Amino acid sequence: MKRNIFLVFAVLVSFVLQTTVGKWIAFGGISPNLLIIVVAASGFMCGPYCGMFAGFGAGLLYDLYYGDLLGYYALIFMYIGYMNGGFKQIFFKEDIKLPLILIMVSDFLYGIVCFVLQFLLRGRFHFPHYMMYVIIPEMVYTVLLTMILYPPLRSITLRLEESRFELN
């Protein structure tokens, strides 16, 4: 229960930071995707259903703020959370390499899916330009920020997990 409350709080805080502070720390119009960090981390730390829950909440907030179509980003973030949940079995609490790789791949896939569904279907075929100036810089920026934000997120989640087992 505490973990779910923390997860809702983490999604809300990351959304607020992404929509406010994210604009100030943007380089060349590219800002880090904090929601990807929270959704992916909740997936591989807590499992696929927890990742889906976090992804749906994050995507729904994103839909309400940015989207034209309700459920578009919710579905994308939900899949990202679920896919990261499949790596819970090989997740080691001490290792940061797997989380960095998973968050990098998640952000890359997010960028590709958004390009295909938003631009390619409308006949805009500037994929190399979009890849070079949007997808890769956002991915690098998100991974750099992950190195700062992931350790506190991991320690809070582990403390909540330990307190859950102490109550039983």
N, C-alpha and C. Protein backbone atom coordinates (compact mmCIF):
# COMPACT_ATOMS: atom_id res chain seq x y z
N MET A 1 0.81 -1.19 0.00
CA MET A 1 0.00 0.00 0.00
C MET A 1 0.86 1.26 0.00
N LYS A 2 1.91 1.26 0.86
CA LYS A 2 2.80 2.41 0.91
C LYS A 2 3.52 2.60 -0.42
N ARG A 3 3.88 1.48 -1.03
CA ARG A 3 4.57 1.55 -2.31
C ARG A 3 3.67 2.16 -3.38
N ASN A 4 2.40 1.81 -3.38
CA ASN A 4 1.48 2.37 -4.37
C ASN A 4 1.26 3.86 -4.15
N ILE A 5 1.17 4.26 -2.90
CA ILE A 5 1.02 5.69 -2.60
C ILE A 5 2.27 6.44 -3.04
N PHE A 6 3.44 5.86 -2.76
CA PHE A 6 4.68 6.50 -3.21
C PHE A 6 4.75 6.56 -4.73
N LEU A 7 4.28 5.52 -5.39
CA LEU A 7 4.30 5.49 -6.85
C LEU A 7 3.41 6.59 -7.43
N VAL A 8 2.22 6.77 -6.87
CA VAL A 8 1.34 7.85 -7.32
C VAL A 8 2.01 9.20 -7.08
N PHE A 9 2.61 9.35 -5.92
CA PHE A 9 3.31 10.59 -5.59
C PHE A 9 4.47 10.83 -6.54
N ALA A 10 5.26 9.79 -6.85
CA ALA A 10 6.41 9.92 -7.75
C ALA A 10 5.96 10.31 -9.15
N VAL A 11 4.86 9.71 -9.63
CA VAL A 11 4.36 10.06 -10.97
C VAL A 11 3.89 11.50 -10.99
N LEU A 12 3.16 11.92 -9.97
CA LEU A 12 2.68 13.31 -9.91
C LEU A 12 3.83 14.31 -9.85
N VAL A 13 4.81 14.03 -9.00
CA VAL A 13 5.95 14.94 -8.86
C VAL A 13 6.75 14.99 -10.16
N SER A 14 6.99 13.85 -10.77
CA SER A 14 7.76 13.85 -12.02
C SER A 14 7.00 14.56 -13.13
N PHE A 15 5.69 14.43 -13.15
CA PHE A 15 4.90 15.14 -14.16
C PHE A 15 4.97 16.65 -13.94
N VAL A 16 4.81 17.08 -12.70
CA VAL A 16 4.88 18.51 -12.40
C VAL A 16 6.27 19.06 -12.73
N LEU A 17 7.31 18.33 -12.36
CA LEU A 17 8.66 18.78 -12.68
C LEU A 17 8.91 18.81 -14.18
N GLN A 18 8.41 17.82 -14.89
CA GLN A 18 8.61 17.77 -16.34
C GLN A 18 7.90 18.92 -17.04
N THR A 19 6.73 19.27 -16.57
CA THR A 19 5.97 20.33 -17.25
C THR A 19 6.38 21.73 -16.81
N THR A 20 7.07 21.86 -15.69
CA THR A 20 7.47 23.19 -15.23
C THR A 20 8.98 23.38 -15.33
N VAL A 21 9.72 22.68 -14.51
CA VAL A 21 11.17 22.82 -14.48
C VAL A 21 11.80 22.29 -15.77
N GLY A 22 11.18 21.30 -16.36
CA GLY A 22 11.70 20.71 -17.60
C GLY A 22 11.85 21.72 -18.72
N LYS A 23 10.99 22.70 -18.75
CA LYS A 23 11.08 23.75 -19.77
C LYS A 23 12.28 24.66 -19.52
N TRP A 24 12.64 24.86 -18.25
CA TRP A 24 13.76 25.73 -17.92
C TRP A 24 15.11 25.06 -18.18
N ILE A 25 15.17 23.73 -17.99
CA ILE A 25 16.44 23.04 -18.16
C ILE A 25 16.58 22.43 -19.56
N ALA A 26 15.71 22.81 -20.45
CA ALA A 26 15.76 22.28 -21.82
C ALA A 26 16.95 22.86 -22.56
N PHE A 27 17.62 22.00 -23.33
CA PHE A 27 18.72 22.41 -24.21
C PHE A 27 18.24 22.28 -25.64
N GLY A 28 18.16 23.38 -26.34
CA GLY A 28 17.73 23.34 -27.74
C GLY A 28 16.31 22.82 -27.90
N GLY A 29 15.46 23.07 -26.93
CA GLY A 29 14.08 22.61 -27.00
C GLY A 29 13.90 21.17 -26.57
N ILE A 30 14.97 20.50 -26.14
CA ILE A 30 14.90 19.11 -25.71
C ILE A 30 15.00 19.06 -24.19
N SER A 31 14.01 18.45 -23.57
CA SER A 31 14.03 18.29 -22.12
C SER A 31 13.99 16.80 -21.78
N PRO A 32 14.49 16.42 -20.60
CA PRO A 32 14.47 15.00 -20.22
C PRO A 32 13.06 14.52 -19.97
N ASN A 33 12.84 13.24 -20.17
CA ASN A 33 11.54 12.63 -19.96
C ASN A 33 11.52 11.97 -18.58
N LEU A 34 11.11 12.72 -17.58
CA LEU A 34 11.09 12.21 -16.21
C LEU A 34 10.06 11.10 -16.02
N LEU A 35 8.98 11.17 -16.77
CA LEU A 35 7.95 10.14 -16.65
C LEU A 35 8.47 8.78 -17.09
N ILE A 36 9.31 8.77 -18.12
CA ILE A 36 9.91 7.50 -18.56
C ILE A 36 10.76 6.92 -17.44
N ILE A 37 11.50 7.76 -16.74
CA ILE A 37 12.34 7.28 -15.64
C ILE A 37 11.49 6.62 -14.57
N VAL A 38 10.43 7.27 -14.15
CA VAL A 38 9.58 6.73 -13.07
C VAL A 38 8.84 5.47 -13.53
N VAL A 39 8.30 5.50 -14.75
CA VAL A 39 7.53 4.35 -15.23
C VAL A 39 8.44 3.14 -15.43
N ALA A 40 9.58 3.33 -16.07
CA ALA A 40 10.50 2.21 -16.29
C ALA A 40 11.03 1.67 -14.97
N ALA A 41 11.41 2.57 -14.06
CA ALA A 41 11.94 2.13 -12.77
C ALA A 41 10.89 1.37 -11.96
N SER A 42 9.65 1.83 -11.99
CA SER A 42 8.61 1.11 -11.26
C SER A 42 8.38 -0.25 -11.88
N GLY A 43 8.53 -0.36 -13.18
CA GLY A 43 8.36 -1.65 -13.83
C GLY A 43 9.41 -2.65 -13.41
N PHE A 44 10.70 -2.32 -13.56
CA PHE A 44 11.71 -3.34 -13.27
C PHE A 44 12.00 -3.49 -11.78
N MET A 45 11.58 -2.53 -10.95
CA MET A 45 11.77 -2.71 -9.51
C MET A 45 10.60 -3.45 -8.86
N CYS A 46 9.38 -3.22 -9.37
CA CYS A 46 8.19 -3.75 -8.69
C CYS A 46 7.42 -4.78 -9.50
N GLY A 47 7.69 -4.90 -10.79
CA GLY A 47 7.00 -5.90 -11.59
C GLY A 47 6.15 -5.29 -12.69
N PRO A 48 5.65 -6.13 -13.60
CA PRO A 48 4.94 -5.63 -14.77
C PRO A 48 3.62 -4.92 -14.46
N TYR A 49 2.87 -5.39 -13.47
CA TYR A 49 1.59 -4.75 -13.20
C TYR A 49 1.77 -3.40 -12.51
N CYS A 50 2.77 -3.30 -11.68
CA CYS A 50 3.09 -2.02 -11.06
C CYS A 50 3.57 -1.03 -12.13
N GLY A 51 4.37 -1.52 -13.08
CA GLY A 51 4.82 -0.68 -14.19
C GLY A 51 3.66 -0.23 -15.07
N MET A 52 2.70 -1.14 -15.29
CA MET A 52 1.51 -0.78 -16.07
C MET A 52 0.69 0.28 -15.34
N PHE A 53 0.53 0.12 -14.05
CA PHE A 53 -0.22 1.09 -13.24
C PHE A 53 0.44 2.46 -13.31
N ALA A 54 1.75 2.50 -13.12
CA ALA A 54 2.48 3.77 -13.18
C ALA A 54 2.42 4.35 -14.59
N GLY A 55 2.55 3.49 -15.59
CA GLY A 55 2.49 3.95 -16.98
C GLY A 55 1.14 4.51 -17.36
N PHE A 56 0.09 3.86 -16.90
CA PHE A 56 -1.25 4.37 -17.20
C PHE A 56 -1.48 5.73 -16.56
N GLY A 57 -1.08 5.87 -15.29
CA GLY A 57 -1.24 7.15 -14.61
C GLY A 57 -0.42 8.25 -15.25
N ALA A 58 0.84 7.95 -15.56
CA ALA A 58 1.71 8.95 -16.19
C ALA A 58 1.19 9.32 -17.57
N GLY A 59 0.79 8.33 -18.33
CA GLY A 59 0.28 8.59 -19.67
C GLY A 59 -1.02 9.36 -19.67
N LEU A 60 -1.87 9.07 -18.70
CA LEU A 60 -3.14 9.79 -18.61
C LEU A 60 -2.90 11.27 -18.27
N LEU A 61 -1.99 11.52 -17.35
CA LEU A 61 -1.63 12.91 -17.06
C LEU A 61 -1.07 13.60 -18.30
N TYR A 62 -0.20 12.90 -19.01
CA TYR A 62 0.41 13.44 -20.23
C TYR A 62 -0.66 13.71 -21.28
N ASP A 63 -1.62 12.79 -21.40
CA ASP A 63 -2.74 12.97 -22.35
C ASP A 63 -3.56 14.20 -22.01
N LEU A 64 -3.84 14.37 -20.73
CA LEU A 64 -4.67 15.50 -20.31
C LEU A 64 -3.96 16.83 -20.53
N TYR A 65 -2.63 16.84 -20.41
CA TYR A 65 -1.89 18.08 -20.53
C TYR A 65 -1.46 18.38 -21.97
N TYR A 66 -0.94 17.37 -22.67
CA TYR A 66 -0.38 17.58 -24.00
C TYR A 66 -1.22 17.01 -25.15
N GLY A 67 -1.91 15.93 -24.89
CA GLY A 67 -2.49 15.15 -25.96
C GLY A 67 -3.75 15.70 -26.57
N ASP A 68 -3.96 15.31 -27.82
CA ASP A 68 -5.20 15.61 -28.52
C ASP A 68 -6.19 14.48 -28.36
N LEU A 69 -5.67 13.29 -28.12
CA LEU A 69 -6.47 12.08 -28.06
C LEU A 69 -6.29 11.44 -26.69
N LEU A 70 -7.33 11.26 -25.94
CA LEU A 70 -7.24 10.69 -24.61
C LEU A 70 -6.93 9.20 -24.70
N GLY A 71 -5.88 8.79 -24.04
CA GLY A 71 -5.49 7.39 -24.02
C GLY A 71 -4.29 7.06 -24.88
N TYR A 72 -3.88 7.97 -25.76
CA TYR A 72 -2.76 7.74 -26.67
C TYR A 72 -1.47 7.52 -25.87
N TYR A 73 -1.09 8.51 -25.05
CA TYR A 73 0.13 8.38 -24.26
C TYR A 73 -0.05 7.38 -23.13
N ALA A 74 -1.27 7.24 -22.62
CA ALA A 74 -1.52 6.25 -21.56
C ALA A 74 -1.18 4.85 -22.06
N LEU A 75 -1.54 4.56 -23.27
CA LEU A 75 -1.25 3.24 -23.84
C LEU A 75 0.26 3.05 -24.05
N ILE A 76 0.92 4.08 -24.56
CA ILE A 76 2.37 3.98 -24.79
C ILE A 76 3.11 3.78 -23.48
N PHE A 77 2.81 4.61 -22.48
CA PHE A 77 3.49 4.50 -21.19
C PHE A 77 3.14 3.19 -20.48
N MET A 78 1.92 2.71 -20.66
CA MET A 78 1.52 1.45 -20.06
C MET A 78 2.35 0.29 -20.62
N TYR A 79 2.53 0.27 -21.93
CA TYR A 79 3.37 -0.77 -22.54
C TYR A 79 4.81 -0.67 -22.07
N ILE A 80 5.32 0.55 -21.95
CA ILE A 80 6.70 0.73 -21.48
C ILE A 80 6.85 0.19 -20.06
N GLY A 81 5.91 0.50 -19.18
CA GLY A 81 5.96 -0.01 -17.82
C GLY A 81 5.86 -1.52 -17.76
N TYR A 82 4.99 -2.09 -18.57
CA TYR A 82 4.82 -3.54 -18.59
C TYR A 82 6.07 -4.24 -19.13
N MET A 83 6.63 -3.72 -20.21
CA MET A 83 7.84 -4.34 -20.78
C MET A 83 9.01 -4.28 -19.80
N ASN A 84 9.15 -3.18 -19.09
CA ASN A 84 10.23 -3.09 -18.10
C ASN A 84 9.98 -4.02 -16.92
N GLY A 85 8.72 -4.30 -16.62
CA GLY A 85 8.41 -5.24 -15.55
C GLY A 85 8.89 -6.65 -15.82
N GLY A 86 9.08 -7.00 -17.08
CA GLY A 86 9.61 -8.31 -17.43
C GLY A 86 11.05 -8.51 -16.99
N PHE A 87 11.74 -7.43 -16.65
CA PHE A 87 13.14 -7.52 -16.23
C PHE A 87 13.29 -7.55 -14.72
N LYS A 88 12.19 -7.68 -14.00
CA LYS A 88 12.25 -7.74 -12.53
C LYS A 88 13.07 -8.94 -12.05
N GLN A 89 13.02 -10.05 -12.77
CA GLN A 89 13.74 -11.26 -12.36
C GLN A 89 15.25 -11.07 -12.40
N ILE A 90 15.74 -10.23 -13.32
CA ILE A 90 17.19 -10.05 -13.43
C ILE A 90 17.65 -8.72 -12.85
N PHE A 91 16.78 -8.03 -12.14
CA PHE A 91 17.10 -6.74 -11.54
C PHE A 91 17.89 -6.96 -10.25
N PHE A 92 19.07 -6.34 -10.18
CA PHE A 92 19.88 -6.35 -8.97
C PHE A 92 19.87 -4.96 -8.37
N LYS A 93 19.61 -4.90 -7.08
CA LYS A 93 19.44 -3.60 -6.42
C LYS A 93 20.70 -2.75 -6.47
N GLU A 94 21.87 -3.37 -6.47
CA GLU A 94 23.13 -2.64 -6.41
C GLU A 94 23.61 -2.15 -7.77
N ASP A 95 23.15 -2.76 -8.82
CA ASP A 95 23.66 -2.48 -10.17
C ASP A 95 22.85 -1.37 -10.83
N ILE A 96 23.54 -0.40 -11.42
CA ILE A 96 22.84 0.69 -12.09
C ILE A 96 22.88 0.54 -13.61
N LYS A 97 23.66 -0.42 -14.10
CA LYS A 97 23.78 -0.58 -15.56
C LYS A 97 22.47 -1.01 -16.21
N LEU A 98 21.80 -1.99 -15.64
CA LEU A 98 20.54 -2.46 -16.22
C LEU A 98 19.48 -1.35 -16.21
N PRO A 99 19.28 -0.62 -15.11
CA PRO A 99 18.31 0.48 -15.16
C PRO A 99 18.65 1.54 -16.20
N LEU A 100 19.93 1.88 -16.33
CA LEU A 100 20.31 2.88 -17.33
C LEU A 100 20.01 2.39 -18.74
N ILE A 101 20.32 1.14 -19.00
CA ILE A 101 20.07 0.58 -20.34
C ILE A 101 18.57 0.50 -20.61
N LEU A 102 17.80 0.04 -19.62
CA LEU A 102 16.35 -0.09 -19.82
C LEU A 102 15.67 1.27 -20.00
N ILE A 103 16.10 2.26 -19.26
CA ILE A 103 15.52 3.59 -19.41
C ILE A 103 15.92 4.19 -20.75
N MET A 104 17.16 3.95 -21.18
CA MET A 104 17.60 4.44 -22.49
C MET A 104 16.79 3.79 -23.61
N VAL A 105 16.62 2.49 -23.54
CA VAL A 105 15.84 1.78 -24.57
C VAL A 105 14.37 2.21 -24.52
N SER A 106 13.83 2.40 -23.33
CA SER A 106 12.44 2.83 -23.19
C SER A 106 12.22 4.20 -23.81
N ASP A 107 13.14 5.12 -23.57
CA ASP A 107 13.02 6.45 -24.14
C ASP A 107 13.18 6.41 -25.66
N PHE A 108 14.07 5.57 -26.13
CA PHE A 108 14.25 5.42 -27.58
C PHE A 108 12.98 4.87 -28.23
N LEU A 109 12.42 3.82 -27.64
CA LEU A 109 11.18 3.25 -28.18
C LEU A 109 10.02 4.24 -28.11
N TYR A 110 9.97 5.01 -27.04
CA TYR A 110 8.94 6.06 -26.92
C TYR A 110 9.07 7.06 -28.07
N GLY A 111 10.29 7.49 -28.35
CA GLY A 111 10.51 8.43 -29.45
C GLY A 111 10.14 7.84 -30.80
N ILE A 112 10.49 6.58 -31.03
CA ILE A 112 10.16 5.92 -32.30
C ILE A 112 8.65 5.79 -32.47
N VAL A 113 7.97 5.33 -31.43
CA VAL A 113 6.51 5.14 -31.51
C VAL A 113 5.82 6.49 -31.74
N CYS A 114 6.27 7.51 -31.03
CA CYS A 114 5.66 8.84 -31.24
C CYS A 114 5.91 9.34 -32.64
N PHE A 115 7.10 9.10 -33.19
CA PHE A 115 7.37 9.54 -34.56
C PHE A 115 6.46 8.81 -35.54
N VAL A 116 6.38 7.50 -35.39
CA VAL A 116 5.58 6.71 -36.33
C VAL A 116 4.11 7.12 -36.26
N LEU A 117 3.57 7.24 -35.08
CA LEU A 117 2.15 7.51 -34.95
C LEU A 117 1.78 8.97 -35.19
N GLN A 118 2.70 9.89 -34.94
CA GLN A 118 2.36 11.30 -35.10
C GLN A 118 2.80 11.89 -36.43
N PHE A 119 3.95 11.47 -36.93
CA PHE A 119 4.49 12.12 -38.11
C PHE A 119 4.46 11.25 -39.35
N LEU A 120 4.90 10.01 -39.23
CA LEU A 120 5.00 9.14 -40.40
C LEU A 120 3.63 8.88 -41.02
N LEU A 121 2.63 8.69 -40.18
CA LEU A 121 1.29 8.43 -40.70
C LEU A 121 0.68 9.67 -41.36
N ARG A 122 1.26 10.83 -41.10
CA ARG A 122 0.79 12.05 -41.74
C ARG A 122 1.61 12.40 -42.98
N GLY A 123 2.54 11.55 -43.35
CA GLY A 123 3.31 11.77 -44.57
C GLY A 123 4.58 12.58 -44.39
N ARG A 124 5.04 12.76 -43.16
CA ARG A 124 6.28 13.49 -42.92
C ARG A 124 7.41 12.47 -42.74
N PHE A 125 8.31 12.43 -43.71
CA PHE A 125 9.33 11.39 -43.73
C PHE A 125 10.71 11.91 -43.37
N HIS A 126 10.83 12.78 -42.39
CA HIS A 126 12.12 13.33 -41.99
C HIS A 126 12.68 12.57 -40.79
N PHE A 127 12.70 11.24 -40.90
CA PHE A 127 13.13 10.43 -39.77
C PHE A 127 14.57 10.69 -39.36
N PRO A 128 15.55 10.77 -40.29
CA PRO A 128 16.92 11.04 -39.84
C PRO A 128 17.04 12.36 -39.06
N HIS A 129 16.35 13.35 -39.50
CA HIS A 129 16.37 14.64 -38.79
C HIS A 129 15.74 14.50 -37.41
N TYR A 130 14.60 13.84 -37.31
CA TYR A 130 13.92 13.65 -36.03
C TYR A 130 14.77 12.78 -35.10
N MET A 131 15.41 11.77 -35.65
CA MET A 131 16.27 10.90 -34.85
C MET A 131 17.47 11.67 -34.30
N MET A 132 18.11 12.45 -35.15
CA MET A 132 19.32 13.16 -34.76
C MET A 132 19.06 14.33 -33.81
N TYR A 133 17.96 15.04 -34.00
CA TYR A 133 17.73 16.27 -33.24
C TYR A 133 16.67 16.17 -32.16
N VAL A 134 15.95 15.06 -32.09
CA VAL A 134 14.94 14.93 -31.04
C VAL A 134 15.14 13.65 -30.23
N ILE A 135 15.12 12.49 -30.89
CA ILE A 135 15.13 11.21 -30.16
C ILE A 135 16.44 11.00 -29.41
N ILE A 136 17.56 11.10 -30.09
CA ILE A 136 18.85 10.82 -29.44
C ILE A 136 19.20 11.86 -28.37
N PRO A 137 19.04 13.18 -28.63
CA PRO A 137 19.33 14.12 -27.53
C PRO A 137 18.44 13.92 -26.30
N GLU A 138 17.15 13.65 -26.52
CA GLU A 138 16.27 13.41 -25.37
C GLU A 138 16.69 12.16 -24.62
N MET A 139 17.09 11.13 -25.36
CA MET A 139 17.51 9.88 -24.74
C MET A 139 18.77 10.10 -23.89
N VAL A 140 19.74 10.82 -24.43
CA VAL A 140 20.98 11.09 -23.69
C VAL A 140 20.69 11.94 -22.46
N TYR A 141 19.88 12.95 -22.61
CA TYR A 141 19.54 13.83 -21.50
C TYR A 141 18.78 13.06 -20.42
N THR A 142 17.89 12.20 -20.81
CA THR A 142 17.13 11.39 -19.85
C THR A 142 18.06 10.44 -19.10
N VAL A 143 19.01 9.82 -19.80
CA VAL A 143 19.94 8.89 -19.14
C VAL A 143 20.85 9.65 -18.17
N LEU A 144 21.30 10.83 -18.55
CA LEU A 144 22.13 11.63 -17.64
C LEU A 144 21.36 12.00 -16.37
N LEU A 145 20.12 12.36 -16.52
CA LEU A 145 19.30 12.69 -15.36
C LEU A 145 18.95 11.44 -14.55
N THR A 146 18.89 10.30 -15.20
CA THR A 146 18.63 9.05 -14.50
C THR A 146 19.74 8.75 -13.50
N MET A 147 20.98 9.07 -13.86
CA MET A 147 22.10 8.82 -12.95
C MET A 147 21.96 9.62 -11.66
N ILE A 148 21.26 10.74 -11.71
CA ILE A 148 21.05 11.56 -10.52
C ILE A 148 19.80 11.13 -9.76
N LEU A 149 18.71 10.86 -10.48
CA LEU A 149 17.42 10.59 -9.85
C LEU A 149 17.19 9.14 -9.46
N TYR A 150 17.83 8.21 -10.14
CA TYR A 150 17.55 6.80 -9.88
C TYR A 150 18.00 6.33 -8.50
N PRO A 151 19.21 6.67 -8.01
CA PRO A 151 19.59 6.16 -6.68
C PRO A 151 18.63 6.54 -5.55
N PRO A 152 18.16 7.81 -5.46
CA PRO A 152 17.17 8.07 -4.39
C PRO A 152 15.85 7.34 -4.61
N LEU A 153 15.42 7.22 -5.85
CA LEU A 153 14.19 6.50 -6.16
C LEU A 153 14.31 5.03 -5.75
N ARG A 154 15.47 4.44 -6.03
CA ARG A 154 15.72 3.04 -5.67
C ARG A 154 15.75 2.87 -4.16
N SER A 155 16.43 3.77 -3.45
CA SER A 155 16.53 3.59 -1.99
C SER A 155 15.18 3.76 -1.31
N ILE A 156 14.36 4.69 -1.77
CA ILE A 156 13.03 4.86 -1.18
C ILE A 156 12.18 3.62 -1.44
N THR A 157 12.23 3.11 -2.66
CA THR A 157 11.46 1.92 -2.99
C THR A 157 11.91 0.71 -2.18
N LEU A 158 13.22 0.56 -1.99
CA LEU A 158 13.72 -0.57 -1.20
C LEU A 158 13.33 -0.44 0.26
N ARG A 159 13.36 0.78 0.81
CA ARG A 159 12.93 0.97 2.19
C ARG A 159 11.45 0.63 2.36
N LEU A 160 10.64 1.05 1.40
CA LEU A 160 9.21 0.73 1.47
C LEU A 160 8.98 -0.77 1.35
N GLU A 161 9.77 -1.42 0.51
CA GLU A 161 9.66 -2.87 0.35
C GLU A 161 10.06 -3.60 1.64
N GLU A 162 11.13 -3.13 2.29
CA GLU A 162 11.57 -3.74 3.55
C GLU A 162 10.53 -3.53 4.65
N SER A 163 9.94 -2.35 4.71
CA SER A 163 8.93 -2.10 5.75
C SER A 163 7.68 -2.93 5.51
N ARG A 164 7.40 -3.26 4.26
CA ARG A 164 6.25 -4.12 3.96
C ARG A 164 6.45 -5.52 4.51
N PHE A 165 7.69 -6.02 4.43
CA PHE A 165 7.95 -7.36 4.94
C PHE A 165 8.05 -7.38 6.47
N GLU A 166 8.43 -6.27 7.07
CA GLU A 166 8.51 -6.21 8.53
C GLU A 166 7.13 -6.25 9.16
N LEU A 167 6.11 -5.73 8.46
CA LEU A 167 4.76 -5.73 9.01
C LEU A 167 4.14 -7.12 9.02
N ASN A 168 4.60 -8.00 8.15
CA ASN A 168 4.01 -9.34 8.06
C ASN A 168 4.54 -10.25 9.06
